[in-house]
Amino acid sequence: MSFENNPIRICILDTETNGLPIRNDFSSVSMLELAYIIVDLDLNIIKEKNYLIKGKFEVPEIITQLTGITKQMTNEKGRPLEVVSKEFYKDLTDNKLTYTCILIYIFKTKALIYRIRA
């Protein structure tokens, strides 16, 4: 079955952070990476992006071990979160198509999937 003319797009995104919040305090948690792929219902890739985030945060050694991301990488190849956020928003709103945005968060073999209507 082909969905060639269907305007629905699916955005699957993944983020990496420098840790988890302590007692719901997110003030010390920063995004290190935002990666996403936008596909149609036939799973044809419409757009694929991967951004390292530059910022005034630390990258603990345990996070580097888990993600492979270092502070040096974010300093040298990263872009400001404000710029990345605007580009992500633009990609989601281009052509005013319908999206289902799926955020996959995996930690210790448990996965939570959030669906967001854009």
PDB file of N, CA and C in Angstrom:
ATOM      1  N   MET A   1       0.846  -1.180   0.000  1.00  0.00           N
ATOM      2  CA  MET A   1       0.000   0.000   0.000  1.00  0.00           C
ATOM      3  C   MET A   1       0.887   1.237   0.000  1.00  0.00           C
ATOM      4  N   SER A   2       0.614   2.165  -0.879  1.00  0.00           N
ATOM      5  CA  SER A   2       1.406   3.392  -0.952  1.00  0.00           C
ATOM      6  C   SER A   2       0.638   4.560  -0.345  1.00  0.00           C
ATOM      7  N   PHE A   3       1.363   5.373   0.403  1.00  0.00           N
ATOM      8  CA  PHE A   3       0.782   6.560   1.027  1.00  0.00           C
ATOM      9  C   PHE A   3       1.327   7.816   0.352  1.00  0.00           C
ATOM     10  N   GLU A   4       1.655   7.698  -0.919  1.00  0.00           N
ATOM     11  CA  GLU A   4       2.362   8.742  -1.666  1.00  0.00           C
ATOM     12  C   GLU A   4       1.772  10.140  -1.500  1.00  0.00           C
ATOM     13  N   ASN A   5       0.461  10.261  -1.533  1.00  0.00           N
ATOM     14  CA  ASN A   5      -0.163  11.585  -1.465  1.00  0.00           C
ATOM     15  C   ASN A   5      -0.664  11.942  -0.072  1.00  0.00           C
ATOM     16  N   ASN A   6      -0.326  11.153   0.918  1.00  0.00           N
ATOM     17  CA  ASN A   6      -0.768  11.410   2.273  1.00  0.00           C
ATOM     18  C   ASN A   6       0.114  12.482   2.907  1.00  0.00           C
ATOM     19  N   PRO A   7      -0.479  13.531   3.483  1.00  0.00           N
ATOM     20  CA  PRO A   7       0.326  14.619   4.058  1.00  0.00           C
ATOM     21  C   PRO A   7       0.918  14.305   5.431  1.00  0.00           C
ATOM     22  N   ILE A   8       0.596  13.160   5.999  1.00  0.00           N
ATOM     23  CA  ILE A   8       1.100  12.851   7.338  1.00  0.00           C
ATOM     24  C   ILE A   8       2.587  12.536   7.280  1.00  0.00           C
ATOM     25  N   ARG A   9       3.314  13.144   8.192  1.00  0.00           N
ATOM     26  CA  ARG A   9       4.731  12.885   8.353  1.00  0.00           C
ATOM     27  C   ARG A   9       4.973  12.456   9.789  1.00  0.00           C
ATOM     28  N   ILE A  10       5.980  11.677  10.002  1.00  0.00           N
ATOM     29  CA  ILE A  10       6.333  11.205  11.330  1.00  0.00           C
ATOM     30  C   ILE A  10       7.720  11.740  11.658  1.00  0.00           C
ATOM     31  N   CYS A  11       7.855  12.341  12.826  1.00  0.00           N
ATOM     32  CA  CYS A  11       9.148  12.822  13.286  1.00  0.00           C
ATOM     33  C   CYS A  11       9.559  11.983  14.484  1.00  0.00           C
ATOM     34  N   ILE A  12      10.692  11.324  14.350  1.00  0.00           N
ATOM     35  CA  ILE A  12      11.242  10.525  15.442  1.00  0.00           C
ATOM     36  C   ILE A  12      12.475  11.257  15.935  1.00  0.00           C
ATOM     37  N   LEU A  13      12.505  11.563  17.217  1.00  0.00           N
ATOM     38  CA  LEU A  13      13.644  12.332  17.715  1.00  0.00           C
ATOM     39  C   LEU A  13      14.278  11.679  18.923  1.00  0.00           C
ATOM     40  N   ASP A  14      15.537  12.006  19.098  1.00  0.00           N
ATOM     41  CA  ASP A  14      16.314  11.481  20.214  1.00  0.00           C
ATOM     42  C   ASP A  14      17.159  12.622  20.760  1.00  0.00           C
ATOM     43  N   THR A  15      17.260  12.693  22.060  1.00  0.00           N
ATOM     44  CA  THR A  15      18.114  13.703  22.687  1.00  0.00           C
ATOM     45  C   THR A  15      19.108  13.013  23.608  1.00  0.00           C
ATOM     46  N   GLU A  16      20.212  13.679  23.815  1.00  0.00           N
ATOM     47  CA  GLU A  16      21.186  13.266  24.823  1.00  0.00           C
ATOM     48  C   GLU A  16      21.352  14.448  25.767  1.00  0.00           C
ATOM     49  N   THR A  17      21.420  14.159  27.066  1.00  0.00           N
ATOM     50  CA  THR A  17      21.601  15.213  28.057  1.00  0.00           C
ATOM     51  C   THR A  17      22.831  14.907  28.908  1.00  0.00           C
ATOM     52  N   ASN A  18      23.185  15.873  29.731  1.00  0.00           N
ATOM     53  CA  ASN A  18      24.356  15.682  30.597  1.00  0.00           C
ATOM     54  C   ASN A  18      23.978  15.055  31.945  1.00  0.00           C
ATOM     55  N   GLY A  19      22.802  14.491  32.038  1.00  0.00           N
ATOM     56  CA  GLY A  19      22.385  13.805  33.252  1.00  0.00           C
ATOM     57  C   GLY A  19      20.880  13.835  33.421  1.00  0.00           C
ATOM     58  N   LEU A  20      20.443  13.363  34.553  1.00  0.00           N
ATOM     59  CA  LEU A  20      19.023  13.319  34.884  1.00  0.00           C
ATOM     60  C   LEU A  20      18.718  14.311  35.996  1.00  0.00           C
ATOM     61  N   PRO A  21      17.485  14.805  36.053  1.00  0.00           N
ATOM     62  CA  PRO A  21      17.135  15.749  37.123  1.00  0.00           C
ATOM     63  C   PRO A  21      17.114  15.058  38.487  1.00  0.00           C
ATOM     64  N   ILE A  22      17.420  15.822  39.500  1.00  0.00           N
ATOM     65  CA  ILE A  22      17.359  15.334  40.877  1.00  0.00           C
ATOM     66  C   ILE A  22      16.114  15.930  41.522  1.00  0.00           C
ATOM     67  N   ARG A  23      15.225  15.073  41.985  1.00  0.00           N
ATOM     68  CA  ARG A  23      13.970  15.505  42.611  1.00  0.00           C
ATOM     69  C   ARG A  23      13.247  16.551  41.754  1.00  0.00           C
ATOM     70  N   ASN A  24      13.092  16.256  40.472  1.00  0.00           N
ATOM     71  CA  ASN A  24      12.379  17.120  39.515  1.00  0.00           C
ATOM     72  C   ASN A  24      13.002  18.497  39.338  1.00  0.00           C
ATOM     73  N   ASP A  25      14.259  18.650  39.703  1.00  0.00           N
ATOM     74  CA  ASP A  25      14.980  19.911  39.497  1.00  0.00           C
ATOM     75  C   ASP A  25      15.788  19.777  38.201  1.00  0.00           C
ATOM     76  N   PHE A  26      15.299  20.418  37.155  1.00  0.00           N
ATOM     77  CA  PHE A  26      15.933  20.325  35.840  1.00  0.00           C
ATOM     78  C   PHE A  26      16.994  21.406  35.616  1.00  0.00           C
ATOM     79  N   SER A  27      17.276  22.212  36.631  1.00  0.00           N
ATOM     80  CA  SER A  27      18.176  23.357  36.442  1.00  0.00           C
ATOM     81  C   SER A  27      19.600  22.951  36.072  1.00  0.00           C
ATOM     82  N   SER A  28      20.016  21.755  36.432  1.00  0.00           N
ATOM     83  CA  SER A  28      21.381  21.339  36.105  1.00  0.00           C
ATOM     84  C   SER A  28      21.450  20.420  34.886  1.00  0.00           C
ATOM     85  N   VAL A  29      20.305  20.164  34.248  1.00  0.00           N
ATOM     86  CA  VAL A  29      20.262  19.272  33.090  1.00  0.00           C
ATOM     87  C   VAL A  29      20.286  20.095  31.810  1.00  0.00           C
ATOM     88  N   SER A  30      21.228  19.757  30.940  1.00  0.00           N
ATOM     89  CA  SER A  30      21.340  20.458  29.652  1.00  0.00           C
ATOM     90  C   SER A  30      21.331  19.461  28.507  1.00  0.00           C
ATOM     91  N   MET A  31      20.753  19.864  27.380  1.00  0.00           N
ATOM     92  CA  MET A  31      20.746  19.029  26.196  1.00  0.00           C
ATOM     93  C   MET A  31      22.123  19.094  25.526  1.00  0.00           C
ATOM     94  N   LEU A  32      22.670  17.932  25.208  1.00  0.00           N
ATOM     95  CA  LEU A  32      23.957  17.845  24.514  1.00  0.00           C
ATOM     96  C   LEU A  32      23.778  17.611  23.019  1.00  0.00           C
ATOM     97  N   GLU A  33      22.695  16.921  22.657  1.00  0.00           N
ATOM     98  CA  GLU A  33      22.490  16.546  21.259  1.00  0.00           C
ATOM     99  C   GLU A  33      20.999  16.450  20.976  1.00  0.00           C
ATOM    100  N   LEU A  34      20.608  16.862  19.780  1.00  0.00           N
ATOM    101  CA  LEU A  34      19.254  16.672  19.267  1.00  0.00           C
ATOM    102  C   LEU A  34      19.388  16.044  17.891  1.00  0.00           C
ATOM    103  N   ALA A  35      18.790  14.882  17.732  1.00  0.00           N
ATOM    104  CA  ALA A  35      18.800  14.196  16.442  1.00  0.00           C
ATOM    105  C   ALA A  35      17.364  13.838  16.097  1.00  0.00           C
ATOM    106  N   TYR A  36      17.010  13.990  14.829  1.00  0.00           N
ATOM    107  CA  TYR A  36      15.662  13.617  14.419  1.00  0.00           C
ATOM    108  C   TYR A  36      15.642  13.227  12.950  1.00  0.00           C
ATOM    109  N   ILE A  37      14.613  12.469  12.641  1.00  0.00           N
ATOM    110  CA  ILE A  37      14.382  12.051  11.262  1.00  0.00           C
ATOM    111  C   ILE A  37      12.896  12.235  10.986  1.00  0.00           C
ATOM    112  N   ILE A  38      12.578  12.768   9.830  1.00  0.00           N
ATOM    113  CA  ILE A  38      11.193  12.952   9.416  1.00  0.00           C
ATOM    114  C   ILE A  38      10.961  12.018   8.234  1.00  0.00           C
ATOM    115  N   VAL A  39       9.918  11.193   8.349  1.00  0.00           N
ATOM    116  CA  VAL A  39       9.598  10.229   7.296  1.00  0.00           C
ATOM    117  C   VAL A  39       8.123  10.347   6.928  1.00  0.00           C
ATOM    118  N   ASP A  40       7.789   9.825   5.741  1.00  0.00           N
ATOM    119  CA  ASP A  40       6.376   9.743   5.378  1.00  0.00           C
ATOM    120  C   ASP A  40       5.862   8.370   5.799  1.00  0.00           C
ATOM    121  N   LEU A  41       4.615   8.076   5.490  1.00  0.00           N
ATOM    122  CA  LEU A  41       4.028   6.814   5.926  1.00  0.00           C
ATOM    123  C   LEU A  41       4.612   5.604   5.207  1.00  0.00           C
ATOM    124  N   ASP A  42       5.305   5.821   4.102  1.00  0.00           N
ATOM    125  CA  ASP A  42       6.013   4.741   3.416  1.00  0.00           C
ATOM    126  C   ASP A  42       7.441   4.600   3.943  1.00  0.00           C
ATOM    127  N   LEU A  43       7.769   5.394   4.977  1.00  0.00           N
ATOM    128  CA  LEU A  43       9.086   5.422   5.610  1.00  0.00           C
ATOM    129  C   LEU A  43      10.183   5.963   4.699  1.00  0.00           C
ATOM    130  N   ASN A  44       9.793   6.761   3.715  1.00  0.00           N
ATOM    131  CA  ASN A  44      10.779   7.491   2.923  1.00  0.00           C
ATOM    132  C   ASN A  44      11.294   8.645   3.768  1.00  0.00           C
ATOM    133  N   ILE A  45      12.609   8.824   3.792  1.00  0.00           N
ATOM    134  CA  ILE A  45      13.193   9.897   4.593  1.00  0.00           C
ATOM    135  C   ILE A  45      12.950  11.236   3.914  1.00  0.00           C
ATOM    136  N   ILE A  46      12.319  12.143   4.638  1.00  0.00           N
ATOM    137  CA  ILE A  46      12.070  13.501   4.169  1.00  0.00           C
ATOM    138  C   ILE A  46      13.216  14.405   4.608  1.00  0.00           C
ATOM    139  N   LYS A  47      13.624  14.248   5.865  1.00  0.00           N
ATOM    140  CA  LYS A  47      14.695  15.072   6.419  1.00  0.00           C
ATOM    141  C   LYS A  47      15.335  14.329   7.579  1.00  0.00           C
ATOM    142  N   GLU A  48      16.635  14.534   7.725  1.00  0.00           N
ATOM    143  CA  GLU A  48      17.369  13.896   8.807  1.00  0.00           C
ATOM    144  C   GLU A  48      18.392  14.891   9.330  1.00  0.00           C
ATOM    145  N   LYS A  49      18.397  15.131  10.643  1.00  0.00           N
ATOM    146  CA  LYS A  49      19.311  16.113  11.229  1.00  0.00           C
ATOM    147  C   LYS A  49      19.909  15.564  12.517  1.00  0.00           C
ATOM    148  N   ASN A  50      21.101  16.032  12.826  1.00  0.00           N
ATOM    149  CA  ASN A  50      21.775  15.658  14.061  1.00  0.00           C
ATOM    150  C   ASN A  50      22.630  16.848  14.483  1.00  0.00           C
ATOM    151  N   TYR A  51      22.308  17.428  15.634  1.00  0.00           N
ATOM    152  CA  TYR A  51      23.007  18.612  16.126  1.00  0.00           C
ATOM    153  C   TYR A  51      23.628  18.356  17.486  1.00  0.00           C
ATOM    154  N   LEU A  52      24.876  18.717  17.648  1.00  0.00           N
ATOM    155  CA  LEU A  52      25.463  18.840  18.974  1.00  0.00           C
ATOM    156  C   LEU A  52      25.130  20.240  19.471  1.00  0.00           C
ATOM    157  N   ILE A  53      24.931  20.365  20.773  1.00  0.00           N
ATOM    158  CA  ILE A  53      24.540  21.642  21.366  1.00  0.00           C
ATOM    159  C   ILE A  53      25.737  22.238  22.105  1.00  0.00           C
ATOM    160  N   LYS A  54      25.998  23.505  21.837  1.00  0.00           N
ATOM    161  CA  LYS A  54      27.067  24.228  22.530  1.00  0.00           C
ATOM    162  C   LYS A  54      26.442  24.996  23.690  1.00  0.00           C
ATOM    163  N   GLY A  55      27.105  24.961  24.836  1.00  0.00           N
ATOM    164  CA  GLY A  55      26.564  25.689  25.977  1.00  0.00           C
ATOM    165  C   GLY A  55      27.515  25.701  27.150  1.00  0.00           C
ATOM    166  N   LYS A  56      27.084  26.399  28.183  1.00  0.00           N
ATOM    167  CA  LYS A  56      27.882  26.512  29.408  1.00  0.00           C
ATOM    168  C   LYS A  56      27.444  25.421  30.377  1.00  0.00           C
ATOM    169  N   PHE A  57      27.822  24.208  30.087  1.00  0.00           N
ATOM    170  CA  PHE A  57      27.485  23.072  30.921  1.00  0.00           C
ATOM    171  C   PHE A  57      28.678  22.131  30.947  1.00  0.00           C
ATOM    172  N   GLU A  58      28.660  21.245  31.901  1.00  0.00           N
ATOM    173  CA  GLU A  58      29.701  20.226  32.012  1.00  0.00           C
ATOM    174  C   GLU A  58      29.175  18.922  31.418  1.00  0.00           C
ATOM    175  N   VAL A  59      30.099  18.077  30.963  1.00  0.00           N
ATOM    176  CA  VAL A  59      29.742  16.746  30.488  1.00  0.00           C
ATOM    177  C   VAL A  59      30.475  15.736  31.378  1.00  0.00           C
ATOM    178  N   PRO A  60      29.768  15.149  32.333  1.00  0.00           N
ATOM    179  CA  PRO A  60      30.412  14.196  33.227  1.00  0.00           C
ATOM    180  C   PRO A  60      30.982  12.991  32.463  1.00  0.00           C
ATOM    181  N   GLU A  61      32.004  12.397  33.015  1.00  0.00           N
ATOM    182  CA  GLU A  61      32.657  11.246  32.383  1.00  0.00           C
ATOM    183  C   GLU A  61      31.671  10.110  32.116  1.00  0.00           C
ATOM    184  N   ILE A  62      30.745   9.861  33.039  1.00  0.00           N
ATOM    185  CA  ILE A  62      29.773   8.775  32.849  1.00  0.00           C
ATOM    186  C   ILE A  62      28.899   9.046  31.620  1.00  0.00           C
ATOM    187  N   ILE A  63      28.584  10.304  31.367  1.00  0.00           N
ATOM    188  CA  ILE A  63      27.780  10.660  30.192  1.00  0.00           C
ATOM    189  C   ILE A  63      28.599  10.437  28.925  1.00  0.00           C
ATOM    190  N   THR A  64      29.876  10.794  28.959  1.00  0.00           N
ATOM    191  CA  THR A  64      30.753  10.536  27.811  1.00  0.00           C
ATOM    192  C   THR A  64      30.833   9.041  27.547  1.00  0.00           C
ATOM    193  N   GLN A  65      30.916   8.236  28.603  1.00  0.00           N
ATOM    194  CA  GLN A  65      30.962   6.787  28.430  1.00  0.00           C
ATOM    195  C   GLN A  65      29.672   6.253  27.811  1.00  0.00           C
ATOM    196  N   LEU A  66      28.525   6.813  28.212  1.00  0.00           N
ATOM    197  CA  LEU A  66      27.228   6.363  27.688  1.00  0.00           C
ATOM    198  C   LEU A  66      26.960   6.837  26.265  1.00  0.00           C
ATOM    199  N   THR A  67      27.353   8.082  25.959  1.00  0.00           N
ATOM    200  CA  THR A  67      26.957   8.700  24.688  1.00  0.00           C
ATOM    201  C   THR A  67      28.092   8.874  23.697  1.00  0.00           C
ATOM    202  N   GLY A  68      29.317   8.904  24.195  1.00  0.00           N
ATOM    203  CA  GLY A  68      30.454   9.210  23.322  1.00  0.00           C
ATOM    204  C   GLY A  68      30.655  10.698  23.104  1.00  0.00           C
ATOM    205  N   ILE A  69      29.824  11.525  23.739  1.00  0.00           N
ATOM    206  CA  ILE A  69      29.891  12.973  23.570  1.00  0.00           C
ATOM    207  C   ILE A  69      30.788  13.570  24.654  1.00  0.00           C
ATOM    208  N   THR A  70      31.726  14.413  24.236  1.00  0.00           N
ATOM    209  CA  THR A  70      32.613  15.096  25.181  1.00  0.00           C
ATOM    210  C   THR A  70      32.331  16.589  25.159  1.00  0.00           C
ATOM    211  N   LYS A  71      32.799  17.274  26.190  1.00  0.00           N
ATOM    212  CA  LYS A  71      32.666  18.731  26.249  1.00  0.00           C
ATOM    213  C   LYS A  71      33.408  19.370  25.072  1.00  0.00           C
ATOM    214  N   GLN A  72      34.559  18.817  24.720  1.00  0.00           N
ATOM    215  CA  GLN A  72      35.322  19.339  23.592  1.00  0.00           C
ATOM    216  C   GLN A  72      34.516  19.247  22.297  1.00  0.00           C
ATOM    217  N   MET A  73      33.799  18.143  22.111  1.00  0.00           N
ATOM    218  CA  MET A  73      32.963  17.995  20.906  1.00  0.00           C
ATOM    219  C   MET A  73      31.877  19.068  20.851  1.00  0.00           C
ATOM    220  N   THR A  74      31.214  19.305  21.992  1.00  0.00           N
ATOM    221  CA  THR A  74      30.149  20.311  21.982  1.00  0.00           C
ATOM    222  C   THR A  74      30.722  21.708  21.768  1.00  0.00           C
ATOM    223  N   ASN A  75      31.911  21.968  22.306  1.00  0.00           N
ATOM    224  CA  ASN A  75      32.547  23.273  22.097  1.00  0.00           C
ATOM    225  C   ASN A  75      32.943  23.485  20.644  1.00  0.00           C
ATOM    226  N   GLU A  76      33.498  22.451  20.011  1.00  0.00           N
ATOM    227  CA  GLU A  76      34.026  22.593  18.656  1.00  0.00           C
ATOM    228  C   GLU A  76      32.968  22.444  17.567  1.00  0.00           C
ATOM    229  N   LYS A  77      32.018  21.546  17.757  1.00  0.00           N
ATOM    230  CA  LYS A  77      31.047  21.247  16.700  1.00  0.00           C
ATOM    231  C   LYS A  77      29.621  21.650  17.048  1.00  0.00           C
ATOM    232  N   GLY A  78      29.415  22.100  18.288  1.00  0.00           N
ATOM    233  CA  GLY A  78      28.074  22.412  18.745  1.00  0.00           C
ATOM    234  C   GLY A  78      27.546  23.732  18.211  1.00  0.00           C
ATOM    235  N   ARG A  79      26.219  23.840  18.249  1.00  0.00           N
ATOM    236  CA  ARG A  79      25.518  25.068  17.877  1.00  0.00           C
ATOM    237  C   ARG A  79      24.649  25.475  19.054  1.00  0.00           C
ATOM    238  N   PRO A  80      24.382  26.766  19.200  1.00  0.00           N
ATOM    239  CA  PRO A  80      23.535  27.215  20.315  1.00  0.00           C
ATOM    240  C   PRO A  80      22.150  26.561  20.267  1.00  0.00           C
ATOM    241  N   LEU A  81      21.613  26.208  21.446  1.00  0.00           N
ATOM    242  CA  LEU A  81      20.310  25.563  21.526  1.00  0.00           C
ATOM    243  C   LEU A  81      19.223  26.403  20.868  1.00  0.00           C
ATOM    244  N   GLU A  82      19.300  27.722  20.990  1.00  0.00           N
ATOM    245  CA  GLU A  82      18.295  28.597  20.391  1.00  0.00           C
ATOM    246  C   GLU A  82      18.259  28.423  18.869  1.00  0.00           C
ATOM    247  N   VAL A  83      19.421  28.308  18.250  1.00  0.00           N
ATOM    248  CA  VAL A  83      19.506  28.132  16.784  1.00  0.00           C
ATOM    249  C   VAL A  83      18.961  26.764  16.388  1.00  0.00           C
ATOM    250  N   VAL A  84      19.369  25.735  17.119  1.00  0.00           N
ATOM    251  CA  VAL A  84      18.906  24.371  16.827  1.00  0.00           C
ATOM    252  C   VAL A  84      17.397  24.273  17.012  1.00  0.00           C
ATOM    253  N   SER A  85      16.872  24.875  18.069  1.00  0.00           N
ATOM    254  CA  SER A  85      15.429  24.843  18.324  1.00  0.00           C
ATOM    255  C   SER A  85      14.649  25.493  17.194  1.00  0.00           C
ATOM    256  N   LYS A  86      15.137  26.612  16.701  1.00  0.00           N
ATOM    257  CA  LYS A  86      14.462  27.298  15.589  1.00  0.00           C
ATOM    258  C   LYS A  86      14.492  26.452  14.323  1.00  0.00           C
ATOM    259  N   GLU A  87      15.614  25.800  14.050  1.00  0.00           N
ATOM    260  CA  GLU A  87      15.705  24.949  12.858  1.00  0.00           C
ATOM    261  C   GLU A  87      14.782  23.736  12.986  1.00  0.00           C
ATOM    262  N   PHE A  88      14.713  23.162  14.194  1.00  0.00           N
ATOM    263  CA  PHE A  88      13.816  22.039  14.423  1.00  0.00           C
ATOM    264  C   PHE A  88      12.365  22.466  14.220  1.00  0.00           C
ATOM    265  N   TYR A  89      11.992  23.592  14.784  1.00  0.00           N
ATOM    266  CA  TYR A  89      10.627  24.103  14.625  1.00  0.00           C
ATOM    267  C   TYR A  89      10.318  24.360  13.144  1.00  0.00           C
ATOM    268  N   LYS A  90      11.266  24.947  12.440  1.00  0.00           N
ATOM    269  CA  LYS A  90      11.069  25.214  11.018  1.00  0.00           C
ATOM    270  C   LYS A  90      10.860  23.914  10.244  1.00  0.00           C
ATOM    271  N   ASP A  91      11.665  22.901  10.543  1.00  0.00           N
ATOM    272  CA  ASP A  91      11.506  21.612   9.861  1.00  0.00           C
ATOM    273  C   ASP A  91      10.145  20.997  10.139  1.00  0.00           C
ATOM    274  N   LEU A  92       9.639  21.157  11.367  1.00  0.00           N
ATOM    275  CA  LEU A  92       8.327  20.602  11.698  1.00  0.00           C
ATOM    276  C   LEU A  92       7.184  21.370  11.061  1.00  0.00           C
ATOM    277  N   THR A  93       7.376  22.645  10.819  1.00  0.00           N
ATOM    278  CA  THR A  93       6.269  23.463  10.300  1.00  0.00           C
ATOM    279  C   THR A  93       6.370  23.732   8.806  1.00  0.00           C
ATOM    280  N   ASP A  94       7.458  23.338   8.163  1.00  0.00           N
ATOM    281  CA  ASP A  94       7.561  23.503   6.709  1.00  0.00           C
ATOM    282  C   ASP A  94       6.396  22.812   6.014  1.00  0.00           C
ATOM    283  N   ASN A  95       5.853  23.443   5.033  1.00  0.00           N
ATOM    284  CA  ASN A  95       4.756  22.910   4.215  1.00  0.00           C
ATOM    285  C   ASN A  95       3.468  22.678   4.988  1.00  0.00           C
ATOM    286  N   LYS A  96       3.449  23.071   6.257  1.00  0.00           N
ATOM    287  CA  LYS A  96       2.246  22.942   7.085  1.00  0.00           C
ATOM    288  C   LYS A  96       1.610  21.548   6.978  1.00  0.00           C
ATOM    289  N   LEU A  97       2.443  20.535   7.043  1.00  0.00           N
ATOM    290  CA  LEU A  97       1.960  19.161   6.991  1.00  0.00           C
ATOM    291  C   LEU A  97       1.593  18.683   8.387  1.00  0.00           C
ATOM    292  N   THR A  98       0.908  17.566   8.478  1.00  0.00           N
ATOM    293  CA  THR A  98       0.518  16.980   9.750  1.00  0.00           C
ATOM    294  C   THR A  98       1.624  16.049  10.220  1.00  0.00           C
ATOM    295  N   TYR A  99       2.032  16.201  11.472  1.00  0.00           N
ATOM    296  CA  TYR A  99       3.100  15.371  12.017  1.00  0.00           C
ATOM    297  C   TYR A  99       2.635  14.648  13.256  1.00  0.00           C
ATOM    298  N   THR A 100       3.159  13.476  13.432  1.00  0.00           N
ATOM    299  CA  THR A 100       3.146  12.827  14.734  1.00  0.00           C
ATOM    300  C   THR A 100       4.590  12.808  15.162  1.00  0.00           C
ATOM    301  N   CYS A 101       4.866  13.402  16.294  1.00  0.00           N
ATOM    302  CA  CYS A 101       6.241  13.500  16.781  1.00  0.00           C
ATOM    303  C   CYS A 101       6.419  12.457  17.878  1.00  0.00           C
ATOM    304  N   ILE A 102       7.408  11.605  17.716  1.00  0.00           N
ATOM    305  CA  ILE A 102       7.637  10.539  18.672  1.00  0.00           C
ATOM    306  C   ILE A 102       8.989  10.755  19.326  1.00  0.00           C
ATOM    307  N   LEU A 103       8.986  10.898  20.636  1.00  0.00           N
ATOM    308  CA  LEU A 103      10.218  11.029  21.412  1.00  0.00           C
ATOM    309  C   LEU A 103      10.472   9.695  22.087  1.00  0.00           C
ATOM    310  N   ILE A 104      11.620   9.138  21.815  1.00  0.00           N
ATOM    311  CA  ILE A 104      11.954   7.863  22.426  1.00  0.00           C
ATOM    312  C   ILE A 104      13.032   8.107  23.474  1.00  0.00           C
ATOM    313  N   TYR A 105      12.721   7.748  24.710  1.00  0.00           N
ATOM    314  CA  TYR A 105      13.661   7.937  25.813  1.00  0.00           C
ATOM    315  C   TYR A 105      13.940   6.555  26.392  1.00  0.00           C
ATOM    316  N   ILE A 106      15.175   6.130  26.296  1.00  0.00           N
ATOM    317  CA  ILE A 106      15.528   4.795  26.769  1.00  0.00           C
ATOM    318  C   ILE A 106      16.526   4.928  27.917  1.00  0.00           C
ATOM    319  N   PHE A 107      16.220   4.307  29.041  1.00  0.00           N
ATOM    320  CA  PHE A 107      17.117   4.327  30.182  1.00  0.00           C
ATOM    321  C   PHE A 107      16.995   2.989  30.892  1.00  0.00           C
ATOM    322  N   LYS A 108      18.091   2.279  30.979  1.00  0.00           N
ATOM    323  CA  LYS A 108      18.129   0.970  31.645  1.00  0.00           C
ATOM    324  C   LYS A 108      17.038   0.043  31.121  1.00  0.00           C
ATOM    325  N   THR A 109      16.973  -0.121  29.818  1.00  0.00           N
ATOM    326  CA  THR A 109      16.079  -1.036  29.099  1.00  0.00           C
ATOM    327  C   THR A 109      14.598  -0.687  29.192  1.00  0.00           C
ATOM    328  N   LYS A 110      14.245   0.424  29.822  1.00  0.00           N
ATOM    329  CA  LYS A 110      12.848   0.848  29.840  1.00  0.00           C
ATOM    330  C   LYS A 110      12.684   1.960  28.818  1.00  0.00           C
ATOM    331  N   ALA A 111      11.668   1.889  28.034  1.00  0.00           N
ATOM    332  CA  ALA A 111      11.441   2.904  27.003  1.00  0.00           C
ATOM    333  C   ALA A 111      10.098   3.585  27.253  1.00  0.00           C
ATOM    334  N   LEU A 112      10.113   4.878  27.179  1.00  0.00           N
ATOM    335  CA  LEU A 112       8.891   5.672  27.254  1.00  0.00           C
ATOM    336  C   LEU A 112       8.729   6.350  25.903  1.00  0.00           C
ATOM    337  N   ILE A 113       7.581   6.266  25.330  1.00  0.00           N
ATOM    338  CA  ILE A 113       7.344   6.886  24.037  1.00  0.00           C
ATOM    339  C   ILE A 113       6.275   7.955  24.216  1.00  0.00           C
ATOM    340  N   TYR A 114       6.640   9.180  23.839  1.00  0.00           N
ATOM    341  CA  TYR A 114       5.722  10.308  23.943  1.00  0.00           C
ATOM    342  C   TYR A 114       5.263  10.686  22.536  1.00  0.00           C
ATOM    343  N   ARG A 115       3.993  10.855  22.363  1.00  0.00           N
ATOM    344  CA  ARG A 115       3.456  11.280  21.079  1.00  0.00           C
ATOM    345  C   ARG A 115       2.943  12.699  21.210  1.00  0.00           C
ATOM    346  N   ILE A 116       3.367  13.540  20.316  1.00  0.00           N
ATOM    347  CA  ILE A 116       3.009  14.948  20.338  1.00  0.00           C
ATOM    348  C   ILE A 116       2.422  15.307  18.986  1.00  0.00           C
ATOM    349  N   ARG A 117       1.275  15.889  18.983  1.00  0.00           N
ATOM    350  CA  ARG A 117       0.669  16.364  17.736  1.00  0.00           C
ATOM    351  C   ARG A 117       1.166  17.760  17.453  1.00  0.00           C
ATOM    352  N   ALA A 118       1.756  17.983  16.272  1.00  0.00           N
ATOM    353  CA  ALA A 118       2.241  19.310  15.891  1.00  0.00           C
ATOM    354  C   ALA A 118       1.239  19.962  14.979  1.00  0.00           C
TER     355      ALA A 118
END
